[in-house]
PDB file of all heavy atoms in Angstrom:
ATOM      1  N   ARG A   1       6.696  18.054 -18.795  1.00  0.00           N
ATOM      2  CA  ARG A   1       5.403  18.355 -18.199  1.00  0.00           C
ATOM      3  C   ARG A   1       4.746  17.157 -17.545  1.00  0.00           C
ATOM      4  O   ARG A   1       3.898  17.287 -16.668  1.00  0.00           O
ATOM      5  CB  ARG A   1       4.478  18.923 -19.269  1.00  0.00           C
ATOM      6  CG  ARG A   1       5.010  20.112 -20.080  1.00  0.00           C
ATOM      7  CD  ARG A   1       5.689  21.143 -19.243  1.00  0.00           C
ATOM      8  NE  ARG A   1       5.999  22.364 -19.980  1.00  0.00           N
ATOM      9  CZ  ARG A   1       6.807  23.286 -19.572  1.00  0.00           C
ATOM     10  NH1 ARG A   1       7.455  23.138 -18.394  1.00  0.00           N
ATOM     11  NH2 ARG A   1       7.053  24.374 -20.251  1.00  0.00           N
ATOM     12  N   ILE A   2       5.143  15.979 -17.961  1.00  0.00           N
ATOM     13  CA  ILE A   2       4.554  14.768 -17.433  1.00  0.00           C
ATOM     14  C   ILE A   2       4.841  14.586 -15.943  1.00  0.00           C
ATOM     15  O   ILE A   2       4.165  13.837 -15.248  1.00  0.00           O
ATOM     16  CB  ILE A   2       5.081  13.529 -18.215  1.00  0.00           C
ATOM     17  CG1 ILE A   2       4.115  12.336 -18.055  1.00  0.00           C
ATOM     18  CG2 ILE A   2       6.478  13.161 -17.825  1.00  0.00           C
ATOM     19  CD1 ILE A   2       4.448  11.193 -18.984  1.00  0.00           C
ATOM     20  N   LEU A   3       5.836  15.327 -15.434  1.00  0.00           N
ATOM     21  CA  LEU A   3       6.202  15.237 -14.044  1.00  0.00           C
ATOM     22  C   LEU A   3       5.170  15.840 -13.120  1.00  0.00           C
ATOM     23  O   LEU A   3       5.067  15.499 -11.953  1.00  0.00           O
ATOM     24  CB  LEU A   3       7.564  15.865 -13.801  1.00  0.00           C
ATOM     25  CG  LEU A   3       8.747  15.230 -14.520  1.00  0.00           C
ATOM     26  CD1 LEU A   3      10.046  15.969 -14.184  1.00  0.00           C
ATOM     27  CD2 LEU A   3       8.873  13.752 -14.168  1.00  0.00           C
ATOM     28  N   ILE A   4       4.363  16.779 -13.662  1.00  0.00           N
ATOM     29  CA  ILE A   4       3.323  17.411 -12.842  1.00  0.00           C
ATOM     30  C   ILE A   4       2.266  16.423 -12.420  1.00  0.00           C
ATOM     31  O   ILE A   4       2.011  16.228 -11.222  1.00  0.00           O
ATOM     32  CB  ILE A   4       2.690  18.620 -13.575  1.00  0.00           C
ATOM     33  CG1 ILE A   4       3.724  19.721 -13.746  1.00  0.00           C
ATOM     34  CG2 ILE A   4       1.479  19.129 -12.822  1.00  0.00           C
ATOM     35  CD1 ILE A   4       4.029  20.522 -12.491  1.00  0.00           C
ATOM     36  N   PRO A   5       1.568  15.744 -13.357  1.00  0.00           N
ATOM     37  CA  PRO A   5       0.566  14.731 -12.891  1.00  0.00           C
ATOM     38  C   PRO A   5       1.256  13.557 -12.177  1.00  0.00           C
ATOM     39  O   PRO A   5       0.633  12.947 -11.312  1.00  0.00           O
ATOM     40  CB  PRO A   5      -0.097  14.290 -14.203  1.00  0.00           C
ATOM     41  CG  PRO A   5       0.849  14.678 -15.281  1.00  0.00           C
ATOM     42  CD  PRO A   5       1.535  15.886 -14.808  1.00  0.00           C
ATOM     43  N   THR A   6       2.514  13.275 -12.531  1.00  0.00           N
ATOM     44  CA  THR A   6       3.191  12.179 -11.860  1.00  0.00           C
ATOM     45  C   THR A   6       3.442  12.541 -10.413  1.00  0.00           C
ATOM     46  O   THR A   6       3.260  11.695  -9.512  1.00  0.00           O
ATOM     47  CB  THR A   6       4.539  11.882 -12.557  1.00  0.00           C
ATOM     48  OG1 THR A   6       4.304  11.482 -13.909  1.00  0.00           O
ATOM     49  CG2 THR A   6       5.266  10.740 -11.861  1.00  0.00           C
ATOM     50  N   SER A   7       3.827  13.769 -10.130  1.00  0.00           N
ATOM     51  CA  SER A   7       4.051  14.193  -8.756  1.00  0.00           C
ATOM     52  C   SER A   7       2.745  14.220  -7.953  1.00  0.00           C
ATOM     53  O   SER A   7       2.734  13.969  -6.753  1.00  0.00           O
ATOM     54  CB  SER A   7       4.740  15.567  -8.689  1.00  0.00           C
ATOM     55  OG  SER A   7       3.904  16.570  -9.188  1.00  0.00           O
ATOM     56  N   SER A   8       1.649  14.580  -8.642  1.00  0.00           N
ATOM     57  CA  SER A   8       0.310  14.576  -7.994  1.00  0.00           C
ATOM     58  C   SER A   8      -0.028  13.174  -7.563  1.00  0.00           C
ATOM     59  O   SER A   8      -0.506  12.979  -6.449  1.00  0.00           O
ATOM     60  CB  SER A   8      -0.721  15.100  -8.981  1.00  0.00           C
ATOM     61  OG  SER A   8      -2.034  14.920  -8.455  1.00  0.00           O
ATOM     62  N   MET A   9       0.231  12.172  -8.397  1.00  0.00           N
ATOM     63  CA  MET A   9      -0.061  10.790  -8.020  1.00  0.00           C
ATOM     64  C   MET A   9       0.909  10.324  -6.950  1.00  0.00           C
ATOM     65  O   MET A   9       0.495   9.570  -6.064  1.00  0.00           O
ATOM     66  CB  MET A   9       0.014   9.912  -9.246  1.00  0.00           C
ATOM     67  CG  MET A   9      -0.397   8.480  -8.959  1.00  0.00           C
ATOM     68  SD  MET A   9      -0.724   7.517 -10.426  1.00  0.00           S
ATOM     69  CE  MET A   9      -1.050   5.927  -9.604  1.00  0.00           C
ATOM     70  N   ALA A  10       2.160  10.765  -7.001  1.00  0.00           N
ATOM     71  CA  ALA A  10       3.110  10.372  -5.989  1.00  0.00           C
ATOM     72  C   ALA A  10       2.681  10.928  -4.625  1.00  0.00           C
ATOM     73  O   ALA A  10       2.840  10.250  -3.585  1.00  0.00           O
ATOM     74  CB  ALA A  10       4.509  10.912  -6.342  1.00  0.00           C
ATOM     75  N   PHE A  11       2.125  12.117  -4.614  1.00  0.00           N
ATOM     76  CA  PHE A  11       1.598  12.717  -3.389  1.00  0.00           C
ATOM     77  C   PHE A  11       0.497  11.844  -2.789  1.00  0.00           C
ATOM     78  O   PHE A  11       0.465  11.567  -1.577  1.00  0.00           O
ATOM     79  CB  PHE A  11       1.092  14.117  -3.643  1.00  0.00           C
ATOM     80  CG  PHE A  11       0.316  14.756  -2.578  1.00  0.00           C
ATOM     81  CD1 PHE A  11       0.898  15.100  -1.385  1.00  0.00           C
ATOM     82  CD2 PHE A  11      -1.054  14.974  -2.701  1.00  0.00           C
ATOM     83  CE1 PHE A  11       0.176  15.693  -0.356  1.00  0.00           C
ATOM     84  CE2 PHE A  11      -1.794  15.518  -1.689  1.00  0.00           C
ATOM     85  CZ  PHE A  11      -1.168  15.896  -0.497  1.00  0.00           C
ATOM     86  N   THR A  12      -0.441  11.431  -3.659  1.00  0.00           N
ATOM     87  CA  THR A  12      -1.516  10.560  -3.189  1.00  0.00           C
ATOM     88  C   THR A  12      -0.982   9.238  -2.693  1.00  0.00           C
ATOM     89  O   THR A  12      -1.474   8.687  -1.660  1.00  0.00           O
ATOM     90  CB  THR A  12      -2.528  10.273  -4.369  1.00  0.00           C
ATOM     91  OG1 THR A  12      -3.003  11.558  -4.843  1.00  0.00           O
ATOM     92  CG2 THR A  12      -3.699   9.451  -3.888  1.00  0.00           C
ATOM     93  N   LEU A  13       0.029   8.668  -3.360  1.00  0.00           N
ATOM     94  CA  LEU A  13       0.619   7.419  -2.932  1.00  0.00           C
ATOM     95  C   LEU A  13       1.246   7.521  -1.555  1.00  0.00           C
ATOM     96  O   LEU A  13       1.181   6.581  -0.747  1.00  0.00           O
ATOM     97  CB  LEU A  13       1.682   6.984  -3.964  1.00  0.00           C
ATOM     98  CG  LEU A  13       1.154   6.138  -5.127  1.00  0.00           C
ATOM     99  CD1 LEU A  13       2.276   5.967  -6.171  1.00  0.00           C
ATOM    100  CD2 LEU A  13       0.669   4.785  -4.637  1.00  0.00           C
ATOM    101  N   VAL A  14       1.918   8.670  -1.296  1.00  0.00           N
ATOM    102  CA  VAL A  14       2.562   8.873  -0.007  1.00  0.00           C
ATOM    103  C   VAL A  14       1.515   8.769   1.114  1.00  0.00           C
ATOM    104  O   VAL A  14       1.714   8.110   2.154  1.00  0.00           O
ATOM    105  CB  VAL A  14       3.308  10.173   0.045  1.00  0.00           C
ATOM    106  CG1 VAL A  14       3.759  10.532   1.476  1.00  0.00           C
ATOM    107  CG2 VAL A  14       4.518  10.183  -0.853  1.00  0.00           C
ATOM    108  N   LEU A  15       0.349   9.465   0.923  1.00  0.00           N
ATOM    109  CA  LEU A  15      -0.712   9.419   1.893  1.00  0.00           C
ATOM    110  C   LEU A  15      -1.275   8.021   2.038  1.00  0.00           C
ATOM    111  O   LEU A  15      -1.614   7.551   3.127  1.00  0.00           O
ATOM    112  CB  LEU A  15      -1.802  10.419   1.525  1.00  0.00           C
ATOM    113  CG  LEU A  15      -1.376  11.863   1.407  1.00  0.00           C
ATOM    114  CD1 LEU A  15      -2.605  12.766   1.075  1.00  0.00           C
ATOM    115  CD2 LEU A  15      -0.782  12.367   2.715  1.00  0.00           C
ATOM    116  N   TRP A  16      -1.402   7.358   0.880  1.00  0.00           N
ATOM    117  CA  TRP A  16      -2.040   6.041   0.878  1.00  0.00           C
ATOM    118  C   TRP A  16      -1.173   4.992   1.575  1.00  0.00           C
ATOM    119  O   TRP A  16      -1.714   4.062   2.186  1.00  0.00           O
ATOM    120  CB  TRP A  16      -2.305   5.637  -0.576  1.00  0.00           C
ATOM    121  CG  TRP A  16      -3.037   4.335  -0.725  1.00  0.00           C
ATOM    122  CD1 TRP A  16      -4.348   4.097  -0.582  1.00  0.00           C
ATOM    123  CD2 TRP A  16      -2.437   3.056  -1.037  1.00  0.00           C
ATOM    124  NE1 TRP A  16      -4.657   2.773  -0.795  1.00  0.00           N
ATOM    125  CE2 TRP A  16      -3.460   2.107  -1.087  1.00  0.00           C
ATOM    126  CE3 TRP A  16      -1.136   2.648  -1.306  1.00  0.00           C
ATOM    127  CZ2 TRP A  16      -3.253   0.794  -1.399  1.00  0.00           C
ATOM    128  CZ3 TRP A  16      -0.877   1.321  -1.599  1.00  0.00           C
ATOM    129  CH2 TRP A  16      -1.971   0.382  -1.631  1.00  0.00           C
ATOM    130  N   VAL A  17       0.145   5.159   1.452  1.00  0.00           N
ATOM    131  CA  VAL A  17       1.060   4.203   2.111  1.00  0.00           C
ATOM    132  C   VAL A  17       0.823   4.160   3.617  1.00  0.00           C
ATOM    133  O   VAL A  17       0.962   3.089   4.249  1.00  0.00           O
ATOM    134  CB  VAL A  17       2.525   4.565   1.769  1.00  0.00           C
ATOM    135  CG1 VAL A  17       3.498   3.877   2.732  1.00  0.00           C
ATOM    136  CG2 VAL A  17       2.846   4.195   0.343  1.00  0.00           C
ATOM    137  N   VAL A  18       0.476   5.273   4.204  1.00  0.00           N
ATOM    138  CA  VAL A  18       0.191   5.304   5.663  1.00  0.00           C
ATOM    139  C   VAL A  18      -0.979   4.420   5.954  1.00  0.00           C
ATOM    140  O   VAL A  18      -0.921   3.601   6.892  1.00  0.00           O
ATOM    141  CB  VAL A  18      -0.118   6.733   6.116  1.00  0.00           C
ATOM    142  CG1 VAL A  18      -0.450   6.769   7.621  1.00  0.00           C
ATOM    143  CG2 VAL A  18       1.064   7.681   5.839  1.00  0.00           C
ATOM    144  N   ALA A  19      -2.057   4.474   5.183  1.00  0.00           N
ATOM    145  CA  ALA A  19      -3.237   3.657   5.445  1.00  0.00           C
ATOM    146  C   ALA A  19      -2.937   2.188   5.207  1.00  0.00           C
ATOM    147  O   ALA A  19      -3.352   1.346   6.000  1.00  0.00           O
ATOM    148  CB  ALA A  19      -4.378   4.114   4.497  1.00  0.00           C
ATOM    149  N   ILE A  20      -2.251   1.860   4.103  1.00  0.00           N
ATOM    150  CA  ILE A  20      -1.968   0.443   3.832  1.00  0.00           C
ATOM    151  C   ILE A  20      -0.979  -0.125   4.876  1.00  0.00           C
ATOM    152  O   ILE A  20      -1.009  -1.340   5.152  1.00  0.00           O
ATOM    153  CB  ILE A  20      -1.444   0.274   2.406  1.00  0.00           C
ATOM    154  CG1 ILE A  20      -1.661  -1.160   1.899  1.00  0.00           C
ATOM    155  CG2 ILE A  20       0.007   0.628   2.309  1.00  0.00           C
ATOM    156  CD1 ILE A  20      -3.086  -1.503   1.666  1.00  0.00           C
ATOM    157  N   SER A  21      -0.106   0.705   5.450  1.00  0.00           N
ATOM    158  CA  SER A  21       0.798   0.260   6.475  1.00  0.00           C
ATOM    159  C   SER A  21       0.038  -0.171   7.734  1.00  0.00           C
ATOM    160  O   SER A  21       0.401  -1.182   8.389  1.00  0.00           O
ATOM    161  CB  SER A  21       1.825   1.329   6.829  1.00  0.00           C
ATOM    162  OG  SER A  21       2.592   1.690   5.702  1.00  0.00           O
ATOM    163  N   ILE A  22      -1.000   0.584   8.074  1.00  0.00           N
ATOM    164  CA  ILE A  22      -1.824   0.213   9.211  1.00  0.00           C
ATOM    165  C   ILE A  22      -2.558  -1.119   8.933  1.00  0.00           C
ATOM    166  O   ILE A  22      -2.698  -1.945   9.838  1.00  0.00           O
ATOM    167  CB  ILE A  22      -2.791   1.356   9.558  1.00  0.00           C
ATOM    168  CG1 ILE A  22      -2.016   2.566  10.036  1.00  0.00           C
ATOM    169  CG2 ILE A  22      -3.834   0.918  10.551  1.00  0.00           C
ATOM    170  CD1 ILE A  22      -2.849   3.773  10.352  1.00  0.00           C
ATOM    171  N   LEU A  23      -3.016  -1.300   7.684  1.00  0.00           N
ATOM    172  CA  LEU A  23      -3.661  -2.560   7.344  1.00  0.00           C
ATOM    173  C   LEU A  23      -2.672  -3.735   7.544  1.00  0.00           C
ATOM    174  O   LEU A  23      -3.078  -4.770   8.055  1.00  0.00           O
ATOM    175  CB  LEU A  23      -4.128  -2.541   5.899  1.00  0.00           C
ATOM    176  CG  LEU A  23      -4.599  -3.873   5.319  1.00  0.00           C
ATOM    177  CD1 LEU A  23      -5.805  -4.407   6.108  1.00  0.00           C
ATOM    178  CD2 LEU A  23      -4.999  -3.756   3.843  1.00  0.00           C
ATOM    179  N   ILE A  24      -1.432  -3.531   7.169  1.00  0.00           N
ATOM    180  CA  ILE A  24      -0.417  -4.593   7.331  1.00  0.00           C
ATOM    181  C   ILE A  24      -0.290  -4.962   8.777  1.00  0.00           C
ATOM    182  O   ILE A  24      -0.143  -6.118   9.160  1.00  0.00           O
ATOM    183  CB  ILE A  24       0.911  -4.151   6.718  1.00  0.00           C
ATOM    184  CG1 ILE A  24       0.797  -4.021   5.200  1.00  0.00           C
ATOM    185  CG2 ILE A  24       2.032  -5.152   7.078  1.00  0.00           C
ATOM    186  CD1 ILE A  24       2.003  -3.383   4.540  1.00  0.00           C
ATOM    187  N   ILE A  25      -0.356  -3.966   9.664  1.00  0.00           N
ATOM    188  CA  ILE A  25      -0.164  -4.151  11.101  1.00  0.00           C
ATOM    189  C   ILE A  25      -1.366  -4.930  11.702  1.00  0.00           C
ATOM    190  O   ILE A  25      -1.204  -5.904  12.472  1.00  0.00           O
ATOM    191  CB  ILE A  25       0.055  -2.875  11.836  1.00  0.00           C
ATOM    192  CG1 ILE A  25       1.377  -2.196  11.368  1.00  0.00           C
ATOM    193  CG2 ILE A  25       0.068  -3.040  13.337  1.00  0.00           C
ATOM    194  CD1 ILE A  25       1.573  -0.824  11.865  1.00  0.00           C
ATOM    195  N   VAL A  26      -2.550  -4.476  11.353  1.00  0.00           N
ATOM    196  CA  VAL A  26      -3.784  -5.095  11.942  1.00  0.00           C
ATOM    197  C   VAL A  26      -4.285  -6.307  11.128  1.00  0.00           C
ATOM    198  O   VAL A  26      -5.255  -6.917  11.534  1.00  0.00           O
ATOM    199  CB  VAL A  26      -4.914  -4.073  12.055  1.00  0.00           C
ATOM    200  CG1 VAL A  26      -4.457  -2.849  12.855  1.00  0.00           C
ATOM    201  CG2 VAL A  26      -5.422  -3.614  10.691  1.00  0.00           C
ATOM    202  N   TYR A  27      -3.623  -6.614  10.064  1.00  0.00           N
ATOM    203  CA  TYR A  27      -4.024  -7.671   9.162  1.00  0.00           C
ATOM    204  C   TYR A  27      -4.396  -9.000   9.848  1.00  0.00           C
ATOM    205  O   TYR A  27      -5.483  -9.525   9.612  1.00  0.00           O
ATOM    206  CB  TYR A  27      -2.918  -7.912   8.108  1.00  0.00           C
ATOM    207  CG  TYR A  27      -3.219  -8.893   7.027  1.00  0.00           C
ATOM    208  CD1 TYR A  27      -4.255  -8.671   6.121  1.00  0.00           C
ATOM    209  CD2 TYR A  27      -2.471 -10.072   6.881  1.00  0.00           C
ATOM    210  CE1 TYR A  27      -4.533  -9.574   5.103  1.00  0.00           C
ATOM    211  CE2 TYR A  27      -2.737 -10.953   5.879  1.00  0.00           C
ATOM    212  CZ  TYR A  27      -3.770 -10.730   4.963  1.00  0.00           C
ATOM    213  OH  TYR A  27      -4.041 -11.605   3.992  1.00  0.00           O
ATOM    214  N   PRO A  28      -3.542  -9.538  10.734  1.00  0.00           N
ATOM    215  CA  PRO A  28      -3.914 -10.815  11.352  1.00  0.00           C
ATOM    216  C   PRO A  28      -5.057 -10.661  12.380  1.00  0.00           C
ATOM    217  O   PRO A  28      -5.724 -11.651  12.715  1.00  0.00           O
ATOM    218  CB  PRO A  28      -2.612 -11.270  12.044  1.00  0.00           C
ATOM    219  CG  PRO A  28      -1.844 -10.005  12.279  1.00  0.00           C
ATOM    220  CD  PRO A  28      -2.195  -9.107  11.103  1.00  0.00           C
ATOM    221  N   PHE A  29      -5.288  -9.469  12.890  1.00  0.00           N
ATOM    222  CA  PHE A  29      -6.349  -9.267  13.881  1.00  0.00           C
ATOM    223  C   PHE A  29      -7.716  -9.108  13.300  1.00  0.00           C
ATOM    224  O   PHE A  29      -8.720  -9.177  14.020  1.00  0.00           O
ATOM    225  CB  PHE A  29      -6.006  -8.035  14.745  1.00  0.00           C
ATOM    226  CG  PHE A  29      -4.677  -8.087  15.418  1.00  0.00           C
ATOM    227  CD1 PHE A  29      -3.578  -7.389  14.915  1.00  0.00           C
ATOM    228  CD2 PHE A  29      -4.498  -8.891  16.539  1.00  0.00           C
ATOM    229  CE1 PHE A  29      -2.359  -7.478  15.524  1.00  0.00           C
ATOM    230  CE2 PHE A  29      -3.288  -8.982  17.166  1.00  0.00           C
ATOM    231  CZ  PHE A  29      -2.195  -8.277  16.657  1.00  0.00           C
ATOM    232  N   ILE A  30      -7.823  -8.884  11.953  1.00  0.00           N
ATOM    233  CA  ILE A  30      -9.134  -8.764  11.349  1.00  0.00           C
ATOM    234  C   ILE A  30      -9.415  -9.911  10.361  1.00  0.00           C
ATOM    235  O   ILE A  30     -10.263  -9.791   9.491  1.00  0.00           O
ATOM    236  CB  ILE A  30      -9.278  -7.401  10.620  1.00  0.00           C
ATOM    237  CG1 ILE A  30      -8.176  -7.194   9.561  1.00  0.00           C
ATOM    238  CG2 ILE A  30      -9.256  -6.268  11.591  1.00  0.00           C
ATOM    239  CD1 ILE A  30      -8.317  -5.884   8.786  1.00  0.00           C
ATOM    240  N   GLY A  31      -8.658 -10.964  10.547  1.00  0.00           N
ATOM    241  CA  GLY A  31      -8.959 -12.195   9.781  1.00  0.00           C
ATOM    242  C   GLY A  31      -7.931 -12.600   8.725  1.00  0.00           C
ATOM    243  O   GLY A  31      -8.081 -13.621   8.097  1.00  0.00           O
ATOM    244  N   GLY A  32      -6.909 -11.807   8.550  1.00  0.00           N
ATOM    245  CA  GLY A  32      -5.897 -12.102   7.558  1.00  0.00           C
ATOM    246  C   GLY A  32      -4.866 -13.094   8.024  1.00  0.00           C
ATOM    247  O   GLY A  32      -4.660 -13.271   9.245  1.00  0.00           O
ATOM    248  N   THR A  33      -4.210 -13.742   7.115  1.00  0.00           N
ATOM    249  CA  THR A  33      -3.154 -14.732   7.457  1.00  0.00           C
ATOM    250  C   THR A  33      -1.914 -14.450   6.586  1.00  0.00           C
ATOM    251  O   THR A  33      -2.045 -14.357   5.364  1.00  0.00           O
ATOM    252  CB  THR A  33      -3.620 -16.172   7.189  1.00  0.00           C
ATOM    253  OG1 THR A  33      -4.820 -16.424   7.952  1.00  0.00           O
ATOM    254  CG2 THR A  33      -2.548 -17.155   7.595  1.00  0.00           C
ATOM    255  N   TYR A  34      -0.778 -14.331   7.218  1.00  0.00           N
ATOM    256  CA  TYR A  34       0.469 -14.100   6.470  1.00  0.00           C
ATOM    257  C   TYR A  34       0.849 -15.418   5.759  1.00  0.00           C
ATOM    258  O   TYR A  34       0.953 -16.477   6.419  1.00  0.00           O
ATOM    259  CB  TYR A  34       1.568 -13.669   7.396  1.00  0.00           C
ATOM    260  CG  TYR A  34       1.361 -12.330   8.037  1.00  0.00           C
ATOM    261  CD1 TYR A  34       1.317 -12.170   9.421  1.00  0.00           C
ATOM    262  CD2 TYR A  34       1.201 -11.183   7.251  1.00  0.00           C
ATOM    263  CE1 TYR A  34       1.121 -10.929  10.017  1.00  0.00           C
ATOM    264  CE2 TYR A  34       1.005  -9.943   7.852  1.00  0.00           C
ATOM    265  CZ  TYR A  34       0.935  -9.818   9.194  1.00  0.00           C
ATOM    266  OH  TYR A  34       0.749  -8.593   9.772  1.00  0.00           O
ATOM    267  N   HIS A  35       1.050 -15.350   4.454  1.00  0.00           N
ATOM    268  CA  HIS A  35       1.408 -16.540   3.664  1.00  0.00           C
ATOM    269  C   HIS A  35       2.239 -16.097   2.470  1.00  0.00           C
ATOM    270  O   HIS A  35       2.317 -14.913   2.129  1.00  0.00           O
ATOM    271  CB  HIS A  35       0.152 -17.296   3.248  1.00  0.00           C
ATOM    272  CG  HIS A  35      -0.940 -16.402   2.712  1.00  0.00           C
ATOM    273  ND1 HIS A  35      -0.890 -15.799   1.436  1.00  0.00           N
ATOM    274  CD2 HIS A  35      -2.082 -15.939   3.276  1.00  0.00           C
ATOM    275  CE1 HIS A  35      -1.958 -15.094   1.293  1.00  0.00           C
ATOM    276  NE2 HIS A  35      -2.687 -15.121   2.356  1.00  0.00           N
ATOM    277  N   TRP A  36       2.812 -17.058   1.767  1.00  0.00           N
ATOM    278  CA  TRP A  36       3.760 -16.764   0.684  1.00  0.00           C
ATOM    279  C   TRP A  36       3.061 -16.071  -0.528  1.00  0.00           C
ATOM    280  O   TRP A  36       3.724 -15.353  -1.263  1.00  0.00           O
ATOM    281  CB  TRP A  36       4.422 -18.020   0.197  1.00  0.00           C
ATOM    282  CG  TRP A  36       3.565 -18.981  -0.545  1.00  0.00           C
ATOM    283  CD1 TRP A  36       2.850 -20.026  -0.045  1.00  0.00           C
ATOM    284  CD2 TRP A  36       3.318 -18.988  -1.963  1.00  0.00           C
ATOM    285  NE1 TRP A  36       2.152 -20.674  -1.020  1.00  0.00           N
ATOM    286  CE2 TRP A  36       2.392 -20.073  -2.205  1.00  0.00           C
ATOM    287  CE3 TRP A  36       3.727 -18.201  -3.021  1.00  0.00           C
ATOM    288  CZ2 TRP A  36       1.953 -20.345  -3.488  1.00  0.00           C
ATOM    289  CZ3 TRP A  36       3.260 -18.502  -4.296  1.00  0.00           C
ATOM    290  CH2 TRP A  36       2.378 -19.542  -4.537  1.00  0.00           C
ATOM    291  N   ILE A  37       1.754 -16.254  -0.683  1.00  0.00           N
ATOM    292  CA  ILE A  37       1.074 -15.648  -1.799  1.00  0.00           C
ATOM    293  C   ILE A  37       1.092 -14.119  -1.697  1.00  0.00           C
ATOM    294  O   ILE A  37       0.970 -13.398  -2.713  1.00  0.00           O
ATOM    295  CB  ILE A  37      -0.401 -16.177  -1.880  1.00  0.00           C
ATOM    296  CG1 ILE A  37      -0.374 -17.692  -2.189  1.00  0.00           C
ATOM    297  CG2 ILE A  37      -1.203 -15.462  -2.931  1.00  0.00           C
ATOM    298  CD1 ILE A  37      -1.723 -18.362  -2.217  1.00  0.00           C
ATOM    299  N   LEU A  38       1.279 -13.614  -0.504  1.00  0.00           N
ATOM    300  CA  LEU A  38       1.367 -12.158  -0.278  1.00  0.00           C
ATOM    301  C   LEU A  38       2.546 -11.560  -1.055  1.00  0.00           C
ATOM    302  O   LEU A  38       2.592 -10.361  -1.344  1.00  0.00           O
ATOM    303  CB  LEU A  38       1.510 -11.816   1.185  1.00  0.00           C
ATOM    304  CG  LEU A  38       0.286 -12.111   2.073  1.00  0.00           C
ATOM    305  CD1 LEU A  38       0.641 -11.867   3.544  1.00  0.00           C
ATOM    306  CD2 LEU A  38      -0.901 -11.277   1.664  1.00  0.00           C
ATOM    307  N   LEU A  39       3.512 -12.399  -1.441  1.00  0.00           N
ATOM    308  CA  LEU A  39       4.639 -11.919  -2.222  1.00  0.00           C
ATOM    309  C   LEU A  39       4.233 -11.410  -3.588  1.00  0.00           C
ATOM    310  O   LEU A  39       4.972 -10.648  -4.220  1.00  0.00           O
ATOM    311  CB  LEU A  39       5.711 -13.049  -2.342  1.00  0.00           C
ATOM    312  CG  LEU A  39       6.352 -13.510  -1.028  1.00  0.00           C
ATOM    313  CD1 LEU A  39       7.279 -14.706  -1.291  1.00  0.00           C
ATOM    314  CD2 LEU A  39       7.125 -12.388  -0.361  1.00  0.00           C
ATOM    315  N   LEU A  40       3.059 -11.873  -4.069  1.00  0.00           N
ATOM    316  CA  LEU A  40       2.600 -11.422  -5.363  1.00  0.00           C
ATOM    317  C   LEU A  40       1.922 -10.042  -5.286  1.00  0.00           C
ATOM    318  O   LEU A  40       1.712  -9.435  -6.325  1.00  0.00           O
ATOM    319  CB  LEU A  40       1.569 -12.456  -5.918  1.00  0.00           C
ATOM    320  CG  LEU A  40       2.064 -13.858  -6.195  1.00  0.00           C
ATOM    321  CD1 LEU A  40       0.904 -14.738  -6.639  1.00  0.00           C
ATOM    322  CD2 LEU A  40       3.147 -13.809  -7.261  1.00  0.00           C
ATOM    323  N   TYR A  41       1.622  -9.585  -4.059  1.00  0.00           N
ATOM    324  CA  TYR A  41       0.917  -8.355  -3.900  1.00  0.00           C
ATOM    325  C   TYR A  41       1.661  -7.158  -4.522  1.00  0.00           C
ATOM    326  O   TYR A  41       1.021  -6.323  -5.257  1.00  0.00           O
ATOM    327  CB  TYR A  41       0.639  -8.082  -2.451  1.00  0.00           C
ATOM    328  CG  TYR A  41      -0.019  -6.730  -2.177  1.00  0.00           C
ATOM    329  CD1 TYR A  41      -1.317  -6.456  -2.617  1.00  0.00           C
ATOM    330  CD2 TYR A  41       0.693  -5.720  -1.541  1.00  0.00           C
ATOM    331  CE1 TYR A  41      -1.900  -5.226  -2.388  1.00  0.00           C
ATOM    332  CE2 TYR A  41       0.131  -4.467  -1.306  1.00  0.00           C
ATOM    333  CZ  TYR A  41      -1.173  -4.235  -1.747  1.00  0.00           C
ATOM    334  OH  TYR A  41      -1.734  -3.029  -1.526  1.00  0.00           O
ATOM    335  N   PRO A  42       2.958  -6.962  -4.291  1.00  0.00           N
ATOM    336  CA  PRO A  42       3.637  -5.795  -4.950  1.00  0.00           C
ATOM    337  C   PRO A  42       3.524  -5.810  -6.444  1.00  0.00           C
ATOM    338  O   PRO A  42       3.441  -4.746  -7.053  1.00  0.00           O
ATOM    339  CB  PRO A  42       5.098  -5.971  -4.471  1.00  0.00           C
ATOM    340  CG  PRO A  42       5.041  -6.771  -3.209  1.00  0.00           C
ATOM    341  CD  PRO A  42       3.872  -7.722  -3.421  1.00  0.00           C
ATOM    342  N   LEU A  43       3.534  -6.992  -7.074  1.00  0.00           N
ATOM    343  CA  LEU A  43       3.409  -7.074  -8.528  1.00  0.00           C
ATOM    344  C   LEU A  43       2.043  -6.573  -8.983  1.00  0.00           C
ATOM    345  O   LEU A  43       2.000  -5.721  -9.878  1.00  0.00           O
ATOM    346  CB  LEU A  43       3.608  -8.513  -8.987  1.00  0.00           C
ATOM    347  CG  LEU A  43       3.313  -8.792 -10.479  1.00  0.00           C
ATOM    348  CD1 LEU A  43       4.278  -8.028 -11.356  1.00  0.00           C
ATOM    349  CD2 LEU A  43       3.391 -10.316 -10.779  1.00  0.00           C
TER     350      LEU A  43
END
């Protein structure tokens, strides 16, 4: 049964990935700087 709420969250994550992908693209244009510390972000 735990797969039901897990799939609900996975659905939200799929939609959210689209938004965060756009942030990654426009990141340097709104003041961000690509640097090695970004490697900690997935963690």
